[in-house]
Amino acid sequence: MKHVLRIASLGVFIPPSADHTNLLGTTLHTGYRQLLDAAGSRSRPPTVRRGGTLILGERYSAPTAAAEKERSSELASRAVGDVLTAEPSTAPHVRSILHAQCSLDQQVLGSACLRVEHDHFRHAKRAMSIGQLGTAGVPTVFQLAAMDTRAGHLACVSASDKWIAPFFRRVPGLATYADASAASIVAANGLVAAPIAEVEDLVASCRPPGHDLWTAPAPQQLEHVRAHAEQCIHQLLSRHPDVERAALSLAGDTFEQDLNTRLAEASGIGGVLEAPVPGIHLSSASPLVALRSAIAQAVKAGTSRRVVIWTASPAGHAGAMLVRCAPDAVATPTGWTSRLSFPSTADHGGVAHAGQAISGSVS
């Protein structure tokens, strides 16, 4: 296909698991003090009283930030650092930094995209955070990256979340969210000569729920997520009638009731990839973690494999991506990278053979 977003390298950071009893995020007495002000009532969950940081529930386990002071912006920077350690020759070609997040940084004035820029790409021309799409921001960020790299440079795409009270880490029957981060180096041009994966097409959608997000029963919210994800998958595959659906694999967000099997059956997709952390939603990083698993499948099979990766937020945002994964990706400690290094003599502003941008749609 002509319209692709090529992925050069990918890294994932999932902190160690820990036991929790608080349905809200980790309690940090120094975090989110601004929410105690009167104006903060519009920024915190309306079902959590002012100053509330504790709603006890049954004990559960979820990945959690390694250190109390390790902010979501630092989780993002850590994932980017891992990617660059595996493939340092990409760094000089990165001109755009695009970051997806759902949770707030625990320092109210903090900026994840600017932290990534400061730590790794001080020569970058653009840095942007996408933070109003729930946990489903990666497809939209990929669309922006494809448009932004047509001229011939690379983009760094990252995603991270850290769940801090008074925001819900766990909604029983719906989802248990993890602190996690991931990063990738991407381009819609010839600078990535041997990609580890190609996003051939994608759909991003906004369909706000008809129910109240904070009080609706978990089964009702789960059904909205399922229906929205199914809509995105059908829209995506309808544009590719030549693709044999039975040969595809499906990967997506992990909710407390598995949706992948139901979605695969509804769309005719032949296989389902196992969740990297069963029963745990890996927040904004989820699609990139799913991509890591899909590349592993292709490498293990020794042949190129196609996968549909979906993501859907209970808040009403969703997306689906058709991805072709390469069998010759090289494993790194946290993900995958290309077998071929980037040309050190290439102009940092781009290359002469820029390709076309991804063919995506927003519904």
Protein backbone atom coordinates (compact mmCIF):
# COMPACT_ATOMS: atom_id res chain seq x y z
CA MET A 1 0.00 0.00 0.00
CA LYS A 2 1.18 3.52 -0.75
CA HIS A 3 0.05 5.30 2.39
CA VAL A 4 2.06 4.18 5.41
CA LEU A 5 3.48 5.41 8.66
CA ARG A 6 6.73 3.58 9.15
CA ILE A 7 7.91 2.66 12.63
CA ALA A 8 11.64 2.51 13.16
CA SER A 9 11.82 1.48 16.82
CA LEU A 10 9.62 0.89 19.83
CA GLY A 11 10.10 0.66 23.56
CA VAL A 12 7.79 -0.01 26.51
CA PHE A 13 8.15 0.61 30.25
CA ILE A 14 5.76 -1.15 32.64
CA PRO A 15 6.74 -0.68 36.30
CA PRO A 16 6.58 -3.59 38.77
CA SER A 17 3.17 -4.67 40.03
CA ALA A 18 1.95 -3.84 43.50
CA ASP A 19 -1.13 -4.54 45.59
CA HIS A 20 -3.75 -1.80 45.98
CA THR A 21 -6.90 -1.38 48.02
CA ASN A 22 -7.70 2.20 46.99
CA LEU A 23 -9.98 2.44 43.94
CA LEU A 24 -8.55 5.88 43.36
CA GLY A 25 -5.01 6.39 42.12
CA THR A 26 -1.94 6.28 44.31
CA THR A 27 -2.23 8.75 47.17
CA LEU A 28 0.43 11.46 47.01
CA HIS A 29 0.01 14.20 49.56
CA THR A 30 2.04 16.58 47.39
CA GLY A 31 0.03 15.92 44.23
CA TYR A 32 -2.91 17.83 42.71
CA ARG A 33 -3.24 20.42 45.46
CA GLN A 34 -4.87 22.72 42.92
CA LEU A 35 -7.92 20.43 42.97
CA LEU A 36 -8.64 21.52 46.55
CA ASP A 37 -9.42 25.05 45.37
CA ALA A 38 -12.97 25.98 44.42
CA ALA A 39 -12.05 26.06 40.73
CA GLY A 40 -10.71 22.51 41.06
CA SER A 41 -14.24 21.14 41.27
CA ARG A 42 -14.37 21.22 37.47
CA SER A 43 -11.20 19.19 37.15
CA ARG A 44 -11.76 16.31 39.57
CA PRO A 45 -14.29 13.46 39.40
CA PRO A 46 -17.64 14.80 40.65
CA THR A 47 -18.25 11.61 42.61
CA VAL A 48 -15.14 12.22 44.75
CA ARG A 49 -15.54 14.73 47.58
CA ARG A 50 -13.23 17.71 47.78
CA GLY A 51 -9.91 16.57 49.19
CA GLY A 52 -10.87 12.90 48.92
CA THR A 53 -8.01 10.52 48.15
CA LEU A 54 -9.34 7.19 49.42
CA ILE A 55 -12.16 4.89 48.33
CA LEU A 56 -11.43 1.42 49.63
CA GLY A 57 -12.27 -1.69 47.64
CA GLU A 58 -11.18 -5.31 47.38
CA ARG A 59 -7.44 -5.85 47.11
CA TYR A 60 -6.17 -5.93 43.53
CA SER A 61 -2.83 -5.86 41.75
CA ALA A 62 -1.71 -3.47 39.02
CA PRO A 63 1.58 -2.09 37.72
CA THR A 64 2.45 1.06 39.61
CA ALA A 65 5.06 3.80 39.31
CA ALA A 66 8.45 2.69 40.60
CA ALA A 67 8.87 5.74 42.82
CA GLU A 68 6.49 8.19 44.48
CA LYS A 69 8.15 11.17 42.81
CA GLU A 70 8.45 9.58 39.36
CA ARG A 71 5.98 11.63 37.34
CA SER A 72 4.18 10.59 34.16
CA SER A 73 6.44 12.94 32.20
CA GLU A 74 9.45 11.07 33.57
CA LEU A 75 7.87 7.75 32.65
CA ALA A 76 7.58 9.05 29.08
CA SER A 77 11.17 10.27 29.04
CA ARG A 78 12.34 6.91 30.34
CA ALA A 79 10.62 5.05 27.50
CA VAL A 80 12.08 7.45 24.92
CA GLY A 81 15.53 7.00 26.45
CA ASP A 82 15.24 3.23 26.12
CA VAL A 83 14.36 3.58 22.43
CA LEU A 84 17.31 5.87 21.75
CA THR A 85 19.69 3.60 23.62
CA ALA A 86 18.73 0.83 21.21
CA GLU A 87 18.97 3.04 18.11
CA PRO A 88 20.87 6.29 18.87
CA SER A 89 21.34 7.18 15.19
CA THR A 90 17.68 8.21 14.96
CA ALA A 91 17.93 11.06 17.46
CA PRO A 92 19.39 13.75 15.16
CA HIS A 93 16.58 13.20 12.63
CA VAL A 94 13.73 13.76 15.10
CA ARG A 95 12.03 17.11 14.54
CA SER A 96 8.58 16.48 16.06
CA ILE A 97 7.63 15.28 19.54
CA LEU A 98 4.05 14.08 19.96
CA HIS A 99 2.80 12.74 23.27
CA ALA A 100 -0.48 11.10 24.32
CA GLN A 101 -1.73 11.08 27.89
CA CYS A 102 -4.95 10.76 29.87
CA SER A 103 -3.87 11.47 33.44
CA LEU A 104 -2.50 14.77 34.71
CA ASP A 105 1.15 15.20 35.50
CA GLN A 106 1.48 15.35 39.28
CA GLN A 107 3.27 18.66 38.88
CA VAL A 108 0.49 20.89 37.63
CA LEU A 109 2.78 22.99 35.44
CA GLY A 110 4.63 19.96 34.08
CA SER A 111 4.63 19.09 30.38
CA ALA A 112 5.51 15.60 29.15
CA CYS A 113 6.28 16.66 25.58
CA LEU A 114 8.60 19.43 26.78
CA ARG A 115 10.28 17.03 29.22
CA VAL A 116 10.98 14.63 26.33
CA GLU A 117 12.29 17.53 24.25
CA HIS A 118 14.55 18.75 27.05
CA ASP A 119 15.94 15.31 27.83
CA HIS A 120 16.42 13.96 24.33
CA PHE A 121 15.67 16.28 21.39
CA ARG A 122 16.67 19.87 22.11
CA HIS A 123 16.97 20.47 18.36
CA ALA A 124 13.29 19.56 17.76
CA LYS A 125 11.04 22.10 16.04
CA ARG A 126 7.69 21.02 17.47
CA ALA A 127 6.44 19.48 20.73
CA MET A 128 2.79 18.75 21.45
CA SER A 129 0.80 16.78 24.04
CA ILE A 130 -2.60 15.30 23.18
CA GLY A 131 -4.46 14.95 26.45
CA GLN A 132 -8.20 15.21 25.84
CA LEU A 133 -8.89 11.83 24.18
CA GLY A 134 -9.12 9.62 27.23
CA THR A 135 -6.74 6.68 26.93
CA ALA A 136 -7.34 6.44 23.16
CA GLY A 137 -4.97 9.14 21.94
CA VAL A 138 -2.37 7.09 20.03
CA PRO A 139 -4.28 6.76 16.69
CA THR A 140 -4.77 10.53 16.54
CA VAL A 141 -1.13 11.12 17.47
CA PHE A 142 -0.10 8.75 14.65
CA GLN A 143 -2.21 10.78 12.23
CA LEU A 144 -0.46 13.95 13.33
CA ALA A 145 2.94 12.26 13.07
CA ALA A 146 2.20 11.13 9.52
CA MET A 147 1.29 14.64 8.43
CA ASP A 148 4.20 16.15 10.32
CA THR A 149 6.90 13.91 8.80
CA ARG A 150 5.99 14.16 5.13
CA ALA A 151 8.81 16.62 4.58
CA GLY A 152 11.40 14.01 5.44
CA HIS A 153 12.21 13.95 9.15
CA LEU A 154 11.33 11.66 12.03
CA ALA A 155 8.83 12.08 14.86
CA CYS A 156 8.97 10.72 18.38
CA VAL A 157 5.59 9.39 19.52
CA SER A 158 5.21 8.64 23.21
CA ALA A 159 2.41 7.82 25.64
CA SER A 160 2.34 7.64 29.42
CA ASP A 161 0.02 7.79 32.41
CA LYS A 162 0.39 7.71 36.17
CA TRP A 163 -2.82 7.36 38.19
CA ILE A 164 -2.97 9.56 41.27
CA ALA A 165 -5.93 10.20 43.60
CA PRO A 166 -8.58 11.57 43.23
CA PHE A 167 -8.75 9.90 39.80
CA PHE A 168 -9.97 6.33 39.49
CA ARG A 169 -7.31 3.68 38.93
CA ARG A 170 -9.94 0.95 39.10
CA VAL A 171 -13.63 0.83 38.18
CA PRO A 172 -14.81 -2.64 39.28
CA GLY A 173 -16.28 -4.56 36.37
CA LEU A 174 -14.88 -2.12 33.81
CA ALA A 175 -11.12 -1.57 33.99
CA THR A 176 -8.05 -1.51 36.18
CA TYR A 177 -5.61 1.07 34.84
CA ALA A 178 -1.85 0.75 35.05
CA ASP A 179 0.91 3.29 35.22
CA ALA A 180 2.87 2.66 32.03
CA SER A 181 4.72 4.37 29.21
CA ALA A 182 5.86 3.61 25.67
CA ALA A 183 7.64 5.40 22.86
CA SER A 184 8.36 4.96 19.17
CA ILE A 185 10.29 6.66 16.39
CA VAL A 186 8.15 7.01 13.25
CA ALA A 187 8.00 8.68 9.83
CA ALA A 188 5.84 8.79 6.73
CA ASN A 189 8.84 8.98 4.43
CA GLY A 190 11.85 7.10 3.13
CA LEU A 191 14.09 7.90 6.07
CA VAL A 192 12.86 4.66 7.69
CA ALA A 193 14.21 2.23 5.11
CA ALA A 194 13.56 -0.98 7.04
CA PRO A 195 10.61 -0.42 9.39
CA ILE A 196 9.74 -2.85 12.15
CA ALA A 197 6.08 -2.16 11.35
CA GLU A 198 3.95 -0.08 8.98
CA VAL A 199 0.63 1.48 9.91
CA GLU A 200 -1.20 0.99 6.62
CA ASP A 201 -4.41 2.74 7.61
CA LEU A 202 -6.24 3.96 10.66
CA VAL A 203 -9.56 5.27 11.92
CA ALA A 204 -10.08 7.66 14.83
CA SER A 205 -13.54 8.34 16.18
CA CYS A 206 -15.37 10.40 18.80
CA ARG A 207 -18.74 9.08 20.02
CA PRO A 208 -19.61 10.46 23.46
CA PRO A 209 -21.62 8.05 25.61
CA GLY A 210 -25.29 8.71 26.25
CA HIS A 211 -24.84 7.88 29.93
CA ASP A 212 -23.03 9.67 32.75
CA LEU A 213 -19.43 8.54 32.81
CA TRP A 214 -19.15 8.67 36.60
CA THR A 215 -22.35 6.93 37.69
CA ALA A 216 -23.34 4.54 34.88
CA PRO A 217 -23.07 0.80 35.73
CA ALA A 218 -19.91 -0.92 34.52
CA PRO A 219 -21.78 -3.25 32.08
CA GLN A 220 -23.34 -0.24 30.36
CA GLN A 221 -19.99 1.48 30.00
CA LEU A 222 -18.36 -1.71 28.77
CA GLU A 223 -21.03 -2.17 26.11
CA HIS A 224 -20.43 1.37 24.84
CA VAL A 225 -16.70 0.66 24.60
CA ARG A 226 -17.32 -2.61 22.75
CA ALA A 227 -19.77 -1.09 20.26
CA HIS A 228 -17.51 1.87 19.57
CA ALA A 229 -14.46 -0.33 19.03
CA GLU A 230 -16.47 -2.61 16.73
CA GLN A 231 -17.60 0.40 14.69
CA CYS A 232 -13.99 1.53 14.22
CA ILE A 233 -12.80 -1.94 13.22
CA HIS A 234 -15.60 -2.37 10.68
CA GLN A 235 -14.95 1.08 9.20
CA LEU A 236 -11.24 0.32 8.91
CA LEU A 237 -11.65 -3.08 7.27
CA SER A 238 -14.40 -1.90 4.91
CA ARG A 239 -11.74 0.20 3.18
CA HIS A 240 -9.65 -2.92 2.56
CA PRO A 241 -11.89 -5.57 0.97
CA ASP A 242 -8.81 -7.32 -0.42
CA VAL A 243 -7.48 -8.09 3.07
CA GLU A 244 -8.27 -11.65 4.18
CA ARG A 245 -9.81 -11.12 7.59
CA ALA A 246 -9.26 -14.70 8.72
CA ALA A 247 -5.49 -14.16 8.34
CA LEU A 248 -5.51 -11.10 10.60
CA SER A 249 -4.85 -10.96 14.32
CA LEU A 250 -6.59 -8.59 16.73
CA ALA A 251 -5.10 -6.78 19.72
CA GLY A 252 -6.54 -4.04 21.87
CA ASP A 253 -7.17 -2.53 25.27
CA THR A 254 -7.64 -4.89 28.20
CA PHE A 255 -10.85 -4.40 30.14
CA GLU A 256 -11.98 -6.55 33.05
CA GLN A 257 -14.20 -8.54 30.70
CA ASP A 258 -12.25 -9.59 27.61
CA LEU A 259 -13.51 -7.84 24.48
CA ASN A 260 -11.00 -9.09 21.94
CA THR A 261 -12.68 -12.44 21.34
CA ARG A 262 -16.10 -10.81 20.87
CA LEU A 263 -14.69 -8.17 18.54
CA ALA A 264 -12.76 -10.73 16.50
CA GLU A 265 -15.88 -12.85 16.04
CA ALA A 266 -17.96 -9.81 15.07
CA SER A 267 -15.46 -8.67 12.45
CA GLY A 268 -14.33 -12.05 11.11
CA ILE A 269 -10.75 -11.64 12.30
CA GLY A 270 -9.04 -14.99 12.67
CA GLY A 271 -6.85 -14.64 15.74
CA VAL A 272 -6.47 -12.76 19.02
CA LEU A 273 -3.17 -11.72 20.59
CA GLU A 274 -2.76 -12.43 24.27
CA ALA A 275 -2.81 -9.40 26.54
CA PRO A 276 0.69 -8.52 27.82
CA VAL A 277 -0.63 -8.01 31.37
CA PRO A 278 -3.87 -10.02 31.71
CA GLY A 279 -6.77 -8.07 33.17
CA ILE A 280 -4.87 -4.77 33.25
CA HIS A 281 -5.50 -1.77 30.98
CA LEU A 282 -2.15 -0.18 30.10
CA SER A 283 -3.69 3.29 29.75
CA SER A 284 -2.55 5.56 26.90
CA ALA A 285 0.42 3.30 26.16
CA SER A 286 -1.88 0.32 25.44
CA PRO A 287 -1.81 0.48 21.58
CA LEU A 288 1.99 0.73 21.54
CA VAL A 289 2.29 -2.21 23.93
CA ALA A 290 -0.09 -4.17 21.67
CA LEU A 291 2.14 -3.28 18.73
CA ARG A 292 5.13 -4.70 20.57
CA SER A 293 3.26 -8.00 20.98
CA ALA A 294 2.22 -8.00 17.32
CA ILE A 295 5.82 -7.55 16.15
CA ALA A 296 6.84 -10.42 18.44
CA GLN A 297 4.26 -12.60 16.70
CA ALA A 298 5.71 -11.78 13.27
CA VAL A 299 9.28 -12.42 14.42
CA LYS A 300 8.31 -15.75 15.97
CA ALA A 301 6.47 -16.80 12.79
CA GLY A 302 9.34 -15.65 10.58
CA THR A 303 6.97 -13.94 8.19
CA SER A 304 5.22 -10.60 7.79
CA ARG A 305 1.97 -10.48 9.75
CA ARG A 306 -0.96 -8.09 9.71
CA VAL A 307 -2.78 -7.07 12.86
CA VAL A 308 -5.66 -4.79 13.74
CA ILE A 309 -4.99 -2.81 16.92
CA TRP A 310 -7.93 -1.04 18.56
CA THR A 311 -8.32 1.28 21.51
CA ALA A 312 -11.44 2.76 23.09
CA SER A 313 -11.96 5.01 26.07
CA PRO A 314 -15.15 4.99 28.18
CA ALA A 315 -15.17 8.78 27.73
CA GLY A 316 -16.07 8.39 24.04
CA HIS A 317 -12.88 8.29 21.96
CA ALA A 318 -11.72 5.25 20.00
CA GLY A 319 -9.58 4.16 17.08
CA ALA A 320 -8.36 1.18 15.06
CA MET A 321 -5.19 0.65 13.03
CA LEU A 322 -4.24 -1.83 10.32
CA VAL A 323 -0.57 -2.66 10.87
CA ARG A 324 1.87 -4.84 8.95
CA CYS A 325 4.64 -6.18 11.22
CA ALA A 326 8.08 -7.16 9.95
CA PRO A 327 9.63 -10.55 10.75
CA ASP A 328 13.20 -9.24 10.92
CA ALA A 329 12.86 -6.75 13.75
CA VAL A 330 15.64 -6.88 16.32
CA ALA A 331 14.71 -7.34 19.96
CA THR A 332 15.85 -4.75 22.50
CA PRO A 333 15.50 -4.91 26.30
CA THR A 334 12.15 -3.09 26.10
CA GLY A 335 10.90 -3.56 22.54
CA TRP A 336 12.08 -3.71 18.94
CA THR A 337 14.27 -1.84 16.48
CA SER A 338 15.28 -2.06 12.83
CA ARG A 339 18.17 -4.15 11.55
CA LEU A 340 19.44 -1.20 9.51
CA SER A 341 20.96 1.88 11.09
CA PHE A 342 20.01 5.33 9.92
CA PRO A 343 22.43 7.11 7.59
CA SER A 344 24.66 9.37 9.66
CA THR A 345 25.41 11.51 6.60
CA ALA A 346 21.76 12.34 5.89
CA ASP A 347 20.68 15.93 6.33
CA HIS A 348 18.98 16.33 9.70
CA GLY A 349 16.13 18.20 8.08
CA GLY A 350 15.02 15.30 5.90
CA VAL A 351 15.77 13.14 2.88
CA ALA A 352 15.08 13.57 -0.77
CA HIS A 353 12.70 10.65 -1.15
CA ALA A 354 9.83 11.58 1.10
CA GLY A 355 6.85 9.27 0.86
CA GLN A 356 3.14 9.91 1.20
CA ALA A 357 1.34 10.37 4.49
CA ILE A 358 -1.00 7.88 6.03
CA SER A 359 -4.56 7.67 4.74
CA GLY A 360 -6.59 8.13 7.93
CA SER A 361 -10.02 9.40 8.77
CA VAL A 362 -11.78 10.96 11.73
CA SER A 363 -15.43 10.12 12.15
